[in-house]
Every structure is written in structure tokens, then in C-alpha cells.
């Protein structure tokens, strides 16, 4: 039987189960993604509507989620003020150095920075822990989650997968606002 979504295919689920058993982990980190200590993209097997499925999960810190929300809102404000704004594209020269921005891009960049600083100061953007499931994902089920942690490591991922699959994941509904961390002179 051909599955429209390969993440629901029992053969793919079985193959991932074997890979997870061999690694002695409950998840597989997707290599090549922008994984870091605040964001990790990984696969794990869980249940959905009574059947096993592969979850394509993105787990990130609440601080990173807050930063993303700030930037998105600031870009929206920039698009209202600068009709030609299509986003700022950073390009590298042949030596790998960043090319200078045009004067308009630089002005827009400063505008975005000021908007972000104002929103941080006013604490006008607040976020809370969440888990969102996307059933229209191209591979399995998409899962986005933000947790109020300082970093995401293997222990955090394993606990998240266990709690999610055991239906014991408890999310904090407190609203949080974060400040950018200032660079300190050493």
C-alpha cells in the first residue's frame, strides 16, 4: 500500500524503530539542520489517532521563540514603513566576508533593531510554553514546541519524547518576556 505521507508508512516507522534501537535513543536528530543549544530538529515515533507515526519535531527554548516573535513583528512594522522592504539579504564576497548593505537596507536594519528594543523594554511581547501539531506536514506529523529552558540537550529531548508519548507533558502557561543579552566588555 502506497502512503501519501511517508511518515505514516509502517515500513518507514519500522526502519526508524530499528535505527533508534541500535542507537539506544528514543529520537533521531536530523543532521544538516541549524541545530544548536536553543533549537533541535529530530524524529521520534509516537501515536496519533490510534496509530504509530513518525513525528518531525522542532524543539526550541522559549527565549528563542520570543526572539523570533519580536523579529517577525519588527519586520511587519518595517514593511509598513518601507514599501520596498522584502527582507534583508546578507551576501558574502569571494573571501567569505559579508558585503556591505545598501543604505536603504542599513536604514531598515536600524529601524528593525529600534522596534525590537522598544518591544523588549515595554515587554509588549509575551510568550508561553506550547506544543503545536501539524497534521498537514510533508513527512509524518510536524510538531513545534517551545519550553522555558536555558538550552536543549539530549537529556531534554529524551524527557520531552517520554513525557509527550506518556501524555504527561505539563506545559507552563505563564507568560514570559525576555531581554536581549548585552555583550559584556571583558
Protein backbone atom coordinates (compact mmCIF):
# COMPACT_ATOMS: atom_id res chain seq x y z
CA UNK A 1 0.00 0.00 0.00
CA UNK A 2 1.39 3.40 -1.02
CA UNK A 3 1.10 6.10 1.63
CA UNK A 4 0.63 9.74 0.64
CA UNK A 5 2.67 10.74 3.66
CA UNK A 6 5.77 8.55 4.09
CA UNK A 7 5.88 9.29 7.84
CA UNK A 8 2.75 7.15 8.26
CA UNK A 9 4.18 4.22 6.24
CA UNK A 10 4.68 1.19 8.59
CA UNK A 11 7.89 0.27 6.71
CA UNK A 12 9.43 3.69 7.41
CA UNK A 13 8.25 3.53 11.03
CA UNK A 14 9.81 0.07 11.41
CA UNK A 15 13.08 1.26 9.84
CA UNK A 16 13.24 4.21 12.26
CA UNK A 17 12.44 1.88 15.19
CA UNK A 18 15.43 -0.30 14.25
CA UNK A 19 17.68 2.74 13.91
CA UNK A 20 16.53 4.06 17.31
CA UNK A 21 17.04 0.65 18.94
CA UNK A 22 20.58 0.47 17.54
CA UNK A 23 21.37 3.98 18.84
CA UNK A 24 19.66 3.24 22.20
CA UNK A 25 17.75 6.53 21.90
CA UNK A 26 14.08 7.44 21.54
CA UNK A 27 14.77 10.09 18.91
CA UNK A 28 16.97 10.75 15.87
CA UNK A 29 18.45 14.23 15.44
CA UNK A 30 18.12 15.41 11.86
CA UNK A 31 21.63 16.26 10.69
CA UNK A 32 22.22 19.24 8.45
CA UNK A 33 19.62 21.39 10.18
CA UNK A 34 20.53 24.52 12.14
CA UNK A 35 20.58 22.56 15.39
CA UNK A 36 22.17 24.36 18.32
CA UNK A 37 21.72 24.61 22.09
CA UNK A 38 18.42 26.53 21.67
CA UNK A 39 16.90 24.61 18.74
CA UNK A 40 16.89 20.94 17.73
CA UNK A 41 15.04 19.22 14.88
CA UNK A 42 14.51 15.47 15.37
CA UNK A 43 12.31 12.48 14.56
CA UNK A 44 10.58 10.25 17.07
CA UNK A 45 7.81 7.68 16.96
CA UNK A 46 4.54 8.36 18.72
CA UNK A 47 0.84 7.65 18.48
CA UNK A 48 -1.72 9.65 16.52
CA UNK A 49 -5.38 8.66 16.22
CA UNK A 50 -4.56 5.18 17.49
CA UNK A 51 -1.72 4.52 15.03
CA UNK A 52 2.05 4.84 15.19
CA UNK A 53 3.51 7.74 13.24
CA UNK A 54 6.83 9.50 12.82
CA UNK A 55 6.88 12.96 14.36
CA UNK A 56 9.13 15.56 12.72
CA UNK A 57 9.76 17.72 15.78
CA UNK A 58 11.28 21.15 16.27
CA UNK A 59 12.02 21.83 19.92
CA UNK A 60 13.30 25.23 20.99
CA UNK A 61 13.76 27.43 24.02
CA UNK A 62 11.13 29.94 24.98
CA UNK A 63 13.79 32.67 24.71
CA UNK A 64 14.38 31.76 21.04
CA UNK A 65 10.62 31.69 20.40
CA UNK A 66 10.34 35.16 21.97
CA UNK A 67 13.18 36.48 19.78
CA UNK A 68 11.51 35.08 16.67
CA UNK A 69 8.20 36.70 17.58
CA UNK A 70 9.92 40.05 18.16
CA UNK A 71 11.74 39.88 14.85
CA UNK A 72 8.61 38.89 12.93
CA UNK A 73 6.64 41.81 14.41
CA UNK A 74 9.51 44.23 13.74
CA UNK A 75 9.73 43.06 10.12
CA UNK A 76 5.98 43.64 9.78
CA UNK A 77 6.43 47.22 11.05
CA UNK A 78 9.35 47.71 8.63
CA UNK A 79 7.19 46.51 5.72
CA UNK A 80 4.57 49.11 6.64
CA UNK A 81 7.14 51.94 6.80
CA UNK A 82 9.31 50.90 3.83
CA UNK A 83 7.13 49.88 0.85
CA UNK A 84 10.06 48.22 -0.99
CA UNK A 85 11.06 46.07 2.01
CA UNK A 86 11.35 42.38 1.06
CA UNK A 87 13.71 41.32 3.83
CA UNK A 88 17.40 41.95 4.35
CA UNK A 89 19.69 39.64 2.40
CA UNK A 90 23.26 39.27 3.58
CA UNK A 91 25.69 38.28 0.86
CA UNK A 92 29.31 37.19 1.05
CA UNK A 93 32.14 38.24 -1.22
CA UNK A 94 34.64 35.77 -2.74
CA UNK A 95 36.63 35.78 0.55
CA UNK A 96 33.61 34.86 2.65
CA UNK A 97 33.27 38.34 4.16
CA UNK A 98 29.85 39.95 4.37
CA UNK A 99 29.24 42.55 1.68
CA UNK A 100 28.07 45.94 2.95
CA UNK A 101 24.32 46.52 2.97
CA UNK A 102 22.78 49.19 0.77
CA UNK A 103 21.97 52.43 2.59
CA UNK A 104 18.25 51.55 2.48
CA UNK A 105 18.89 48.05 3.88
CA UNK A 106 21.03 49.57 6.61
CA UNK A 107 18.28 52.07 7.48
CA UNK A 108 15.71 49.27 7.59
CA UNK A 109 18.06 47.19 9.78
CA UNK A 110 18.40 50.03 12.27
CA UNK A 111 14.63 50.55 12.23
CA UNK A 112 14.04 46.85 12.98
CA UNK A 113 16.62 46.96 15.80
CA UNK A 114 14.94 50.01 17.36
CA UNK A 115 11.48 48.38 17.16
CA UNK A 116 12.81 45.22 18.82
CA UNK A 117 14.49 47.23 21.59
CA UNK A 118 11.25 49.17 22.24
CA UNK A 119 9.16 45.99 22.38
CA UNK A 120 11.67 44.38 24.76
CA UNK A 121 11.72 47.45 27.00
CA UNK A 122 7.90 47.65 27.07
CA UNK A 123 7.64 43.85 27.46
CA UNK A 124 4.86 44.11 24.89
CA UNK A 125 5.52 40.62 23.53
CA UNK A 126 4.92 37.72 25.88
CA UNK A 127 5.18 34.03 25.09
CA UNK A 128 4.38 30.79 26.87
CA UNK A 129 5.30 27.15 26.52
CA UNK A 130 3.40 25.34 23.78
CA UNK A 131 3.19 22.27 21.58
CA UNK A 132 1.62 22.57 18.11
CA UNK A 133 0.96 19.57 15.89
CA UNK A 134 0.69 19.98 12.11
CA UNK A 135 -1.30 17.14 10.53
CA UNK A 136 -0.68 18.54 7.02
CA UNK A 137 3.07 18.05 7.27
CA UNK A 138 5.00 16.60 4.32
CA UNK A 139 6.62 13.82 6.39
CA UNK A 140 4.72 12.31 9.29
CA UNK A 141 3.33 14.85 11.71
CA UNK A 142 5.00 18.17 12.28
CA UNK A 143 5.48 19.13 15.90
CA UNK A 144 6.68 22.54 17.13
CA UNK A 145 7.33 23.00 20.82
CA UNK A 146 8.86 25.72 22.96
CA UNK A 147 9.93 25.09 26.55
CA UNK A 148 11.16 27.54 29.17
CA UNK A 149 14.66 26.12 29.42
CA UNK A 150 18.09 27.70 29.02
CA UNK A 151 19.19 25.12 26.44
CA UNK A 152 18.11 21.99 24.60
CA UNK A 153 20.34 18.93 25.04
CA UNK A 154 19.95 15.18 24.63
CA UNK A 155 18.55 14.77 28.15
CA UNK A 156 15.88 17.42 27.46
CA UNK A 157 14.94 15.78 24.13
CA UNK A 158 14.67 12.31 25.71
CA UNK A 159 12.48 13.67 28.55
CA UNK A 160 10.29 15.57 26.06
CA UNK A 161 9.73 12.44 23.92
CA UNK A 162 8.94 10.32 27.00
CA UNK A 163 6.56 12.90 28.50
CA UNK A 164 4.86 13.52 25.14
CA UNK A 165 4.37 9.80 24.45
CA UNK A 166 3.24 9.09 28.03
CA UNK A 167 0.82 12.05 27.82
CA UNK A 168 2.43 13.52 30.95
CA UNK A 169 3.91 16.64 29.35
CA UNK A 170 2.97 19.57 31.59
CA UNK A 171 3.29 22.98 29.95
CA UNK A 172 3.76 26.18 31.92
CA UNK A 173 1.04 28.66 30.90
CA UNK A 174 2.86 31.63 32.48
CA UNK A 175 3.52 34.44 30.01
CA UNK A 176 7.20 35.40 29.72
CA UNK A 177 9.09 38.28 28.17
CA UNK A 178 12.85 38.29 27.65
CA UNK A 179 15.53 40.95 27.23
CA UNK A 180 18.41 40.69 24.78
CA UNK A 181 21.58 39.71 26.49
CA UNK A 182 24.02 42.61 26.48
CA UNK A 183 27.54 41.95 25.28
CA UNK A 184 29.83 42.48 28.24
CA UNK A 185 33.27 44.00 27.86
CA UNK A 186 35.86 41.70 29.35
